[in-house]
Amino acid sequence: MTLHARLVLEDCRAALAELTDDLSYDVWRRRWFTVIAMLVTTRDVVKRVDADADPDVKRANDKVFLELQQRPMWRDFIAGKGKAYGYRDELVHRYQLGVSRSVTIGVPSNLVDPVTGVNFHTMLGGSQAGRPCKEVAADLLACLDWYVDEVERWSQPTSVKGT
């Protein structure tokens, strides 16, 4: 069972719902970090917590992770294919949030960095450059939902896998 990973994903859904446009810059920045850090932790929770408790989950994870690595949201955004590091490393190890610092006219004042006076709710670079941060997080959540569902499915007895 992938109970621990499912708890992480539920917490991610709740944290993403709390990432609203009416937050101050500082609060929004902390919540963005929280959402992405939990999302990128999901794979580690499957591998190190759920798989340790269930050998069938471990075997399933070994198979399904190969497929996850081919999905663009994981491969290009999190793992950083073709680069020394991906967004996970930028965020977690360097605390580089990778959100826009370009001036946007007509953006509500709560979506503007109080120091620089610029918009902060779109991705700066990489495979998701220019996309709204919340949209990127929702796509990553969907990718990881698929991953946990597949690990769960492949850890079941053979008769269940065909459904």
N, C-alpha and C. Protein backbone atom coordinates (compact mmCIF):
# COMPACT_ATOMS: atom_id res chain seq x y z
N MET A 1 0.83 -1.19 0.00
CA MET A 1 0.00 0.00 0.00
C MET A 1 0.88 1.26 0.00
N THR A 2 0.35 2.29 -0.58
CA THR A 2 1.08 3.56 -0.67
C THR A 2 0.43 4.61 0.23
N LEU A 3 0.13 4.21 1.44
CA LEU A 3 -0.60 5.09 2.36
C LEU A 3 0.16 6.37 2.68
N HIS A 4 1.44 6.28 2.91
CA HIS A 4 2.21 7.48 3.26
C HIS A 4 2.31 8.45 2.08
N ALA A 5 2.53 7.91 0.88
CA ALA A 5 2.61 8.77 -0.31
C ALA A 5 1.25 9.43 -0.57
N ARG A 6 0.18 8.71 -0.35
CA ARG A 6 -1.15 9.30 -0.55
C ARG A 6 -1.41 10.43 0.44
N LEU A 7 -0.92 10.29 1.66
CA LEU A 7 -1.04 11.37 2.64
C LEU A 7 -0.28 12.61 2.17
N VAL A 8 0.92 12.41 1.64
CA VAL A 8 1.69 13.54 1.10
C VAL A 8 0.90 14.23 -0.01
N LEU A 9 0.32 13.45 -0.93
CA LEU A 9 -0.44 14.03 -2.03
C LEU A 9 -1.68 14.78 -1.54
N GLU A 10 -2.33 14.26 -0.53
CA GLU A 10 -3.49 14.98 0.04
C GLU A 10 -3.05 16.29 0.67
N ASP A 11 -1.92 16.28 1.37
CA ASP A 11 -1.38 17.51 1.93
C ASP A 11 -1.00 18.49 0.82
N CYS A 12 -0.48 17.96 -0.28
CA CYS A 12 -0.14 18.82 -1.43
C CYS A 12 -1.39 19.48 -1.99
N ARG A 13 -2.47 18.73 -2.13
CA ARG A 13 -3.72 19.30 -2.63
C ARG A 13 -4.18 20.44 -1.72
N ALA A 14 -4.13 20.21 -0.42
CA ALA A 14 -4.56 21.24 0.53
C ALA A 14 -3.65 22.46 0.46
N ALA A 15 -2.34 22.24 0.39
CA ALA A 15 -1.40 23.36 0.33
C ALA A 15 -1.57 24.14 -0.98
N LEU A 16 -1.82 23.44 -2.07
CA LEU A 16 -2.05 24.11 -3.35
C LEU A 16 -3.32 24.96 -3.30
N ALA A 17 -4.35 24.45 -2.64
CA ALA A 17 -5.59 25.22 -2.50
C ALA A 17 -5.38 26.47 -1.65
N GLU A 18 -4.41 26.42 -0.74
CA GLU A 18 -4.10 27.58 0.11
C GLU A 18 -3.20 28.60 -0.59
N LEU A 19 -2.70 28.27 -1.76
CA LEU A 19 -1.82 29.16 -2.52
C LEU A 19 -2.71 30.10 -3.36
N THR A 20 -3.30 31.06 -2.69
CA THR A 20 -4.27 31.94 -3.33
C THR A 20 -3.63 33.29 -3.69
N ASP A 21 -4.28 33.98 -4.61
CA ASP A 21 -3.74 35.25 -5.10
C ASP A 21 -3.89 36.39 -4.10
N ASP A 22 -4.61 36.19 -3.01
CA ASP A 22 -4.78 37.27 -2.04
C ASP A 22 -3.71 37.26 -0.94
N LEU A 23 -2.72 36.39 -1.06
CA LEU A 23 -1.64 36.31 -0.07
C LEU A 23 -0.60 37.39 -0.29
N SER A 24 0.06 37.79 0.77
CA SER A 24 1.19 38.71 0.62
C SER A 24 2.33 37.97 -0.07
N TYR A 25 3.27 38.73 -0.57
CA TYR A 25 4.41 38.14 -1.26
C TYR A 25 5.14 37.11 -0.39
N ASP A 26 5.45 37.46 0.85
CA ASP A 26 6.20 36.55 1.73
C ASP A 26 5.44 35.26 2.00
N VAL A 27 4.15 35.36 2.27
CA VAL A 27 3.34 34.17 2.55
C VAL A 27 3.23 33.32 1.29
N TRP A 28 2.98 33.95 0.15
CA TRP A 28 2.87 33.21 -1.11
C TRP A 28 4.16 32.45 -1.39
N ARG A 29 5.31 33.09 -1.21
CA ARG A 29 6.61 32.46 -1.45
C ARG A 29 6.79 31.22 -0.56
N ARG A 30 6.45 31.33 0.72
CA ARG A 30 6.59 30.18 1.63
C ARG A 30 5.64 29.05 1.23
N ARG A 31 4.44 29.40 0.84
CA ARG A 31 3.49 28.35 0.44
C ARG A 31 3.92 27.69 -0.86
N TRP A 32 4.47 28.45 -1.80
CA TRP A 32 4.97 27.86 -3.04
C TRP A 32 6.07 26.85 -2.72
N PHE A 33 6.99 27.22 -1.88
CA PHE A 33 8.06 26.30 -1.49
C PHE A 33 7.46 25.04 -0.87
N THR A 34 6.48 25.20 0.01
CA THR A 34 5.84 24.07 0.68
C THR A 34 5.21 23.12 -0.33
N VAL A 35 4.45 23.65 -1.27
CA VAL A 35 3.77 22.83 -2.29
C VAL A 35 4.79 22.02 -3.08
N ILE A 36 5.79 22.70 -3.63
CA ILE A 36 6.75 22.01 -4.50
C ILE A 36 7.62 21.04 -3.70
N ALA A 37 8.04 21.43 -2.51
CA ALA A 37 8.86 20.52 -1.70
C ALA A 37 8.10 19.24 -1.37
N MET A 38 6.82 19.36 -1.03
CA MET A 38 6.03 18.15 -0.75
C MET A 38 5.85 17.31 -2.01
N LEU A 39 5.60 17.96 -3.14
CA LEU A 39 5.41 17.21 -4.38
C LEU A 39 6.67 16.42 -4.75
N VAL A 40 7.82 17.05 -4.68
CA VAL A 40 9.04 16.33 -5.06
C VAL A 40 9.44 15.29 -4.02
N THR A 41 8.88 15.38 -2.84
CA THR A 41 9.14 14.39 -1.79
C THR A 41 8.32 13.12 -2.00
N THR A 42 7.25 13.20 -2.75
CA THR A 42 6.34 12.06 -2.93
C THR A 42 7.08 10.81 -3.39
N ARG A 43 7.95 10.95 -4.37
CA ARG A 43 8.67 9.78 -4.89
C ARG A 43 9.55 9.17 -3.79
N ASP A 44 10.21 10.00 -3.00
CA ASP A 44 11.04 9.49 -1.91
C ASP A 44 10.21 8.76 -0.86
N VAL A 45 9.00 9.24 -0.60
CA VAL A 45 8.13 8.59 0.38
C VAL A 45 7.72 7.20 -0.12
N VAL A 46 7.39 7.10 -1.41
CA VAL A 46 7.07 5.78 -1.96
C VAL A 46 8.28 4.86 -1.82
N LYS A 47 9.44 5.36 -2.23
CA LYS A 47 10.67 4.54 -2.25
C LYS A 47 11.18 4.19 -0.86
N ARG A 48 11.13 5.13 0.07
CA ARG A 48 11.79 4.92 1.37
C ARG A 48 10.85 4.58 2.52
N VAL A 49 9.57 4.85 2.37
CA VAL A 49 8.64 4.57 3.47
C VAL A 49 7.68 3.45 3.07
N ASP A 50 6.88 3.69 2.04
CA ASP A 50 5.90 2.68 1.64
C ASP A 50 6.56 1.40 1.14
N ALA A 51 7.63 1.52 0.35
CA ALA A 51 8.31 0.33 -0.17
C ALA A 51 9.02 -0.45 0.92
N ASP A 52 9.53 0.23 1.93
CA ASP A 52 10.16 -0.48 3.05
C ASP A 52 9.16 -1.31 3.82
N ALA A 53 7.91 -0.88 3.83
CA ALA A 53 6.88 -1.59 4.58
C ALA A 53 6.22 -2.70 3.77
N ASP A 54 6.42 -2.71 2.45
CA ASP A 54 5.71 -3.67 1.60
C ASP A 54 6.59 -4.04 0.41
N PRO A 55 7.10 -5.28 0.35
CA PRO A 55 7.97 -5.69 -0.75
C PRO A 55 7.29 -5.60 -2.12
N ASP A 56 5.96 -5.75 -2.16
CA ASP A 56 5.25 -5.62 -3.44
C ASP A 56 5.29 -4.18 -3.94
N VAL A 57 5.22 -3.22 -3.03
CA VAL A 57 5.33 -1.81 -3.41
C VAL A 57 6.74 -1.53 -3.90
N LYS A 58 7.74 -2.12 -3.28
CA LYS A 58 9.12 -1.92 -3.72
C LYS A 58 9.30 -2.41 -5.15
N ARG A 59 8.83 -3.63 -5.44
CA ARG A 59 8.94 -4.17 -6.80
C ARG A 59 8.17 -3.30 -7.80
N ALA A 60 6.98 -2.90 -7.42
CA ALA A 60 6.16 -2.06 -8.31
C ALA A 60 6.84 -0.71 -8.54
N ASN A 61 7.39 -0.13 -7.49
CA ASN A 61 8.06 1.17 -7.63
C ASN A 61 9.25 1.08 -8.58
N ASP A 62 10.01 -0.01 -8.49
CA ASP A 62 11.16 -0.17 -9.38
C ASP A 62 10.72 -0.13 -10.84
N LYS A 63 9.57 -0.73 -11.14
CA LYS A 63 9.05 -0.74 -12.51
C LYS A 63 8.47 0.61 -12.89
N VAL A 64 7.61 1.14 -12.06
CA VAL A 64 6.86 2.35 -12.40
C VAL A 64 7.77 3.58 -12.43
N PHE A 65 8.80 3.62 -11.60
CA PHE A 65 9.68 4.77 -11.61
C PHE A 65 10.37 4.94 -12.97
N LEU A 66 10.65 3.84 -13.65
CA LEU A 66 11.22 3.94 -15.00
C LEU A 66 10.27 4.69 -15.93
N GLU A 67 8.97 4.43 -15.78
CA GLU A 67 7.97 5.15 -16.58
C GLU A 67 7.85 6.61 -16.14
N LEU A 68 7.90 6.86 -14.85
CA LEU A 68 7.81 8.23 -14.34
C LEU A 68 8.94 9.08 -14.91
N GLN A 69 10.13 8.50 -15.02
CA GLN A 69 11.28 9.24 -15.53
C GLN A 69 11.09 9.70 -16.98
N GLN A 70 10.17 9.08 -17.70
CA GLN A 70 9.91 9.47 -19.09
C GLN A 70 8.84 10.55 -19.21
N ARG A 71 8.11 10.82 -18.15
CA ARG A 71 7.05 11.82 -18.18
C ARG A 71 7.67 13.22 -18.15
N PRO A 72 7.25 14.11 -19.05
CA PRO A 72 7.89 15.44 -19.14
C PRO A 72 7.92 16.23 -17.84
N MET A 73 6.85 16.20 -17.05
CA MET A 73 6.86 16.97 -15.81
C MET A 73 7.96 16.48 -14.87
N TRP A 74 8.22 15.20 -14.85
CA TRP A 74 9.28 14.67 -13.99
C TRP A 74 10.63 14.86 -14.66
N ARG A 75 10.73 14.39 -15.89
CA ARG A 75 12.01 14.37 -16.61
C ARG A 75 12.56 15.79 -16.81
N ASP A 76 11.75 16.69 -17.33
CA ASP A 76 12.26 18.00 -17.71
C ASP A 76 12.22 19.02 -16.56
N PHE A 77 11.19 18.92 -15.72
CA PHE A 77 11.02 19.93 -14.69
C PHE A 77 11.71 19.54 -13.38
N ILE A 78 11.45 18.36 -12.88
CA ILE A 78 12.01 17.95 -11.58
C ILE A 78 13.44 17.42 -11.72
N ALA A 79 13.65 16.46 -12.60
CA ALA A 79 14.97 15.86 -12.71
C ALA A 79 15.95 16.73 -13.49
N GLY A 80 15.45 17.55 -14.41
CA GLY A 80 16.31 18.44 -15.17
C GLY A 80 17.12 17.72 -16.22
N LYS A 81 16.45 16.90 -17.05
CA LYS A 81 17.16 16.13 -18.08
C LYS A 81 18.06 17.04 -18.92
N GLY A 82 19.26 16.60 -19.11
CA GLY A 82 20.21 17.35 -19.91
C GLY A 82 20.91 18.46 -19.15
N LYS A 83 20.61 18.58 -17.87
CA LYS A 83 21.24 19.62 -17.04
C LYS A 83 21.89 18.93 -15.83
N ALA A 84 22.73 19.67 -15.16
CA ALA A 84 23.37 19.12 -13.97
C ALA A 84 22.36 18.93 -12.85
N TYR A 85 21.27 19.70 -12.88
CA TYR A 85 20.27 19.62 -11.82
C TYR A 85 18.93 20.12 -12.35
N GLY A 86 17.87 19.73 -11.68
CA GLY A 86 16.54 20.15 -12.06
C GLY A 86 15.96 21.15 -11.07
N TYR A 87 14.67 21.41 -11.21
CA TYR A 87 14.01 22.38 -10.34
C TYR A 87 14.05 21.95 -8.89
N ARG A 88 13.98 20.64 -8.65
CA ARG A 88 14.06 20.13 -7.27
C ARG A 88 15.32 20.64 -6.60
N ASP A 89 16.46 20.50 -7.27
CA ASP A 89 17.71 20.96 -6.69
C ASP A 89 17.76 22.48 -6.57
N GLU A 90 17.23 23.17 -7.57
CA GLU A 90 17.19 24.64 -7.50
C GLU A 90 16.42 25.08 -6.26
N LEU A 91 15.29 24.43 -6.02
CA LEU A 91 14.42 24.82 -4.92
C LEU A 91 14.94 24.33 -3.57
N VAL A 92 15.17 23.05 -3.47
CA VAL A 92 15.48 22.44 -2.18
C VAL A 92 16.92 22.71 -1.74
N HIS A 93 17.86 22.62 -2.65
CA HIS A 93 19.26 22.75 -2.24
C HIS A 93 19.82 24.16 -2.38
N ARG A 94 19.19 24.99 -3.21
CA ARG A 94 19.70 26.34 -3.42
C ARG A 94 18.71 27.42 -3.02
N TYR A 95 17.49 27.02 -2.69
CA TYR A 95 16.39 27.94 -2.34
C TYR A 95 16.21 29.02 -3.40
N GLN A 96 16.33 28.60 -4.66
CA GLN A 96 16.03 29.46 -5.79
C GLN A 96 14.62 29.10 -6.23
N LEU A 97 13.67 30.00 -6.00
CA LEU A 97 12.27 29.68 -6.23
C LEU A 97 11.89 29.61 -7.70
N GLY A 98 12.62 30.25 -8.55
CA GLY A 98 12.37 30.16 -9.98
C GLY A 98 11.04 30.75 -10.41
N VAL A 99 10.60 31.80 -9.74
CA VAL A 99 9.36 32.46 -10.14
C VAL A 99 9.69 33.81 -10.74
N SER A 100 8.79 34.29 -11.58
CA SER A 100 9.03 35.46 -12.40
C SER A 100 9.38 36.71 -11.61
N ARG A 101 10.27 37.49 -12.19
CA ARG A 101 10.63 38.80 -11.65
C ARG A 101 10.45 39.85 -12.74
N SER A 102 9.62 39.57 -13.73
CA SER A 102 9.40 40.53 -14.80
C SER A 102 8.22 41.43 -14.47
N VAL A 103 8.32 42.68 -14.85
CA VAL A 103 7.26 43.64 -14.55
C VAL A 103 6.01 43.28 -15.35
N THR A 104 4.87 43.25 -14.68
CA THR A 104 3.60 42.98 -15.33
C THR A 104 2.63 44.10 -14.96
N ILE A 105 2.08 44.75 -15.95
CA ILE A 105 1.15 45.85 -15.73
C ILE A 105 -0.22 45.27 -15.35
N GLY A 106 -0.88 45.87 -14.39
CA GLY A 106 -2.22 45.47 -14.02
C GLY A 106 -2.31 44.30 -13.06
N VAL A 107 -1.21 43.91 -12.47
CA VAL A 107 -1.21 42.81 -11.51
C VAL A 107 -1.61 43.37 -10.15
N PRO A 108 -2.53 42.72 -9.44
CA PRO A 108 -2.90 43.21 -8.10
C PRO A 108 -1.67 43.39 -7.22
N SER A 109 -1.68 44.38 -6.35
CA SER A 109 -0.50 44.71 -5.55
C SER A 109 -0.03 43.56 -4.67
N ASN A 110 -0.96 42.68 -4.25
CA ASN A 110 -0.53 41.56 -3.42
C ASN A 110 0.27 40.52 -4.21
N LEU A 111 0.28 40.58 -5.54
CA LEU A 111 1.07 39.66 -6.36
C LEU A 111 2.37 40.29 -6.82
N VAL A 112 2.79 41.33 -6.15
CA VAL A 112 3.99 42.05 -6.53
C VAL A 112 4.99 42.01 -5.38
N ASP A 113 6.23 41.71 -5.71
CA ASP A 113 7.30 41.71 -4.72
C ASP A 113 7.42 43.13 -4.17
N PRO A 114 7.29 43.32 -2.85
CA PRO A 114 7.32 44.67 -2.29
C PRO A 114 8.66 45.38 -2.45
N VAL A 115 9.73 44.63 -2.63
CA VAL A 115 11.05 45.24 -2.78
C VAL A 115 11.30 45.68 -4.22
N THR A 116 11.03 44.76 -5.17
CA THR A 116 11.33 45.05 -6.58
C THR A 116 10.14 45.63 -7.33
N GLY A 117 8.91 45.43 -6.80
CA GLY A 117 7.72 45.93 -7.47
C GLY A 117 7.32 45.15 -8.70
N VAL A 118 7.74 43.87 -8.78
CA VAL A 118 7.42 43.08 -9.97
C VAL A 118 6.62 41.83 -9.60
N ASN A 119 5.96 41.29 -10.62
CA ASN A 119 5.10 40.11 -10.49
C ASN A 119 5.93 38.87 -10.12
N PHE A 120 5.35 37.96 -9.32
CA PHE A 120 6.12 36.78 -8.91
C PHE A 120 5.37 35.46 -9.08
N HIS A 121 4.36 35.40 -9.90
CA HIS A 121 3.57 34.17 -9.94
C HIS A 121 3.69 33.36 -11.22
N THR A 122 4.72 33.57 -12.03
CA THR A 122 4.96 32.71 -13.19
C THR A 122 6.38 32.15 -13.10
N MET A 123 6.59 31.05 -13.80
CA MET A 123 7.89 30.37 -13.76
C MET A 123 8.91 31.16 -14.56
N LEU A 124 10.12 31.20 -14.05
CA LEU A 124 11.19 31.96 -14.68
C LEU A 124 11.78 31.27 -15.91
N GLY A 125 12.25 30.07 -15.75
CA GLY A 125 12.98 29.43 -16.84
C GLY A 125 12.72 27.95 -16.91
N GLY A 126 13.52 27.30 -17.70
CA GLY A 126 13.41 25.86 -17.85
C GLY A 126 12.20 25.44 -18.66
N SER A 127 11.82 24.20 -18.53
CA SER A 127 10.75 23.64 -19.35
C SER A 127 9.39 24.26 -19.08
N GLN A 128 9.22 24.95 -17.95
CA GLN A 128 7.92 25.52 -17.60
C GLN A 128 7.93 27.06 -17.64
N ALA A 129 8.92 27.64 -18.26
CA ALA A 129 9.08 29.09 -18.30
C ALA A 129 7.81 29.78 -18.81
N GLY A 130 7.40 30.81 -18.07
CA GLY A 130 6.25 31.61 -18.47
C GLY A 130 4.90 31.07 -18.05
N ARG A 131 4.86 29.85 -17.56
CA ARG A 131 3.59 29.26 -17.12
C ARG A 131 3.25 29.72 -15.72
N PRO A 132 1.96 29.84 -15.41
CA PRO A 132 1.56 30.17 -14.04
C PRO A 132 2.03 29.10 -13.06
N CYS A 133 2.57 29.53 -11.94
CA CYS A 133 3.11 28.60 -10.94
C CYS A 133 2.07 27.57 -10.49
N LYS A 134 0.86 28.03 -10.22
CA LYS A 134 -0.17 27.11 -9.71
C LYS A 134 -0.53 26.06 -10.77
N GLU A 135 -0.50 26.44 -12.04
CA GLU A 135 -0.77 25.49 -13.12
C GLU A 135 0.33 24.43 -13.18
N VAL A 136 1.57 24.86 -13.03
CA VAL A 136 2.71 23.93 -13.02
C VAL A 136 2.58 22.95 -11.85
N ALA A 137 2.26 23.46 -10.67
CA ALA A 137 2.10 22.60 -9.49
C ALA A 137 0.95 21.62 -9.70
N ALA A 138 -0.15 22.05 -10.30
CA ALA A 138 -1.29 21.16 -10.55
C ALA A 138 -0.89 20.06 -11.53
N ASP A 139 -0.11 20.39 -12.56
CA ASP A 139 0.35 19.37 -13.51
C ASP A 139 1.29 18.38 -12.84
N LEU A 140 2.16 18.87 -11.98
CA LEU A 140 3.06 17.97 -11.26
C LEU A 140 2.28 17.08 -10.31
N LEU A 141 1.27 17.62 -9.67
CA LEU A 141 0.40 16.82 -8.79
C LEU A 141 -0.28 15.71 -9.59
N ALA A 142 -0.79 16.02 -10.78
CA ALA A 142 -1.42 15.01 -11.62
C ALA A 142 -0.42 13.93 -12.02
N CYS A 143 0.80 14.32 -12.33
CA CYS A 143 1.85 13.36 -12.69
C CYS A 143 2.14 12.42 -11.53
N LEU A 144 2.24 12.97 -10.33
CA LEU A 144 2.54 12.14 -9.15
C LEU A 144 1.33 11.33 -8.70
N ASP A 145 0.13 11.82 -8.93
CA ASP A 145 -1.07 11.00 -8.70
C ASP A 145 -1.00 9.75 -9.58
N TRP A 146 -0.67 9.95 -10.85
CA TRP A 146 -0.53 8.82 -11.77
C TRP A 146 0.50 7.84 -11.24
N TYR A 147 1.65 8.35 -10.83
CA TYR A 147 2.74 7.51 -10.33
C TYR A 147 2.31 6.67 -9.14
N VAL A 148 1.70 7.29 -8.14
CA VAL A 148 1.28 6.55 -6.94
C VAL A 148 0.18 5.55 -7.30
N ASP A 149 -0.75 5.94 -8.16
CA ASP A 149 -1.79 5.01 -8.60
C ASP A 149 -1.19 3.79 -9.30
N GLU A 150 -0.20 4.03 -10.15
CA GLU A 150 0.44 2.92 -10.88
C GLU A 150 1.23 2.01 -9.93
N VAL A 151 1.95 2.59 -8.99
CA VAL A 151 2.67 1.76 -8.01
C VAL A 151 1.66 0.89 -7.26
N GLU A 152 0.56 1.50 -6.85
CA GLU A 152 -0.48 0.75 -6.14
C GLU A 152 -1.03 -0.38 -7.02
N ARG A 153 -1.33 -0.04 -8.26
CA ARG A 153 -1.91 -1.03 -9.18
C ARG A 153 -0.94 -2.20 -9.41
N TRP A 154 0.33 -1.90 -9.65
CA TRP A 154 1.31 -2.95 -9.93
C TRP A 154 1.74 -3.71 -8.67
N SER A 155 1.38 -3.23 -7.51
CA SER A 155 1.72 -3.97 -6.28
C SER A 155 0.61 -4.93 -5.88
N GLN A 156 -0.50 -4.91 -6.62
CA GLN A 156 -1.62 -5.81 -6.34
C GLN A 156 -1.39 -7.17 -7.00
N PRO A 157 -2.15 -8.18 -6.59
CA PRO A 157 -2.05 -9.49 -7.23
C PRO A 157 -2.32 -9.36 -8.74
N THR A 158 -1.76 -10.29 -9.52
CA THR A 158 -1.85 -10.25 -10.98
C THR A 158 -3.28 -10.09 -11.48
N SER A 159 -4.24 -10.71 -10.83
CA SER A 159 -5.62 -10.65 -11.31
C SER A 159 -6.18 -9.24 -11.29
N VAL A 160 -5.63 -8.36 -10.48
CA VAL A 160 -6.15 -7.00 -10.36
C VAL A 160 -5.50 -6.08 -11.41
N LYS A 161 -4.29 -6.39 -11.88
CA LYS A 161 -3.54 -5.51 -12.76
C LYS A 161 -4.23 -5.22 -14.07
N GLY A 162 -5.02 -6.14 -14.56
CA GLY A 162 -5.68 -5.94 -15.85
C GLY A 162 -6.84 -4.99 -15.79
N THR A 163 -7.26 -4.57 -14.59
CA THR A 163 -8.43 -3.69 -14.48
C THR A 163 -8.05 -2.24 -14.55
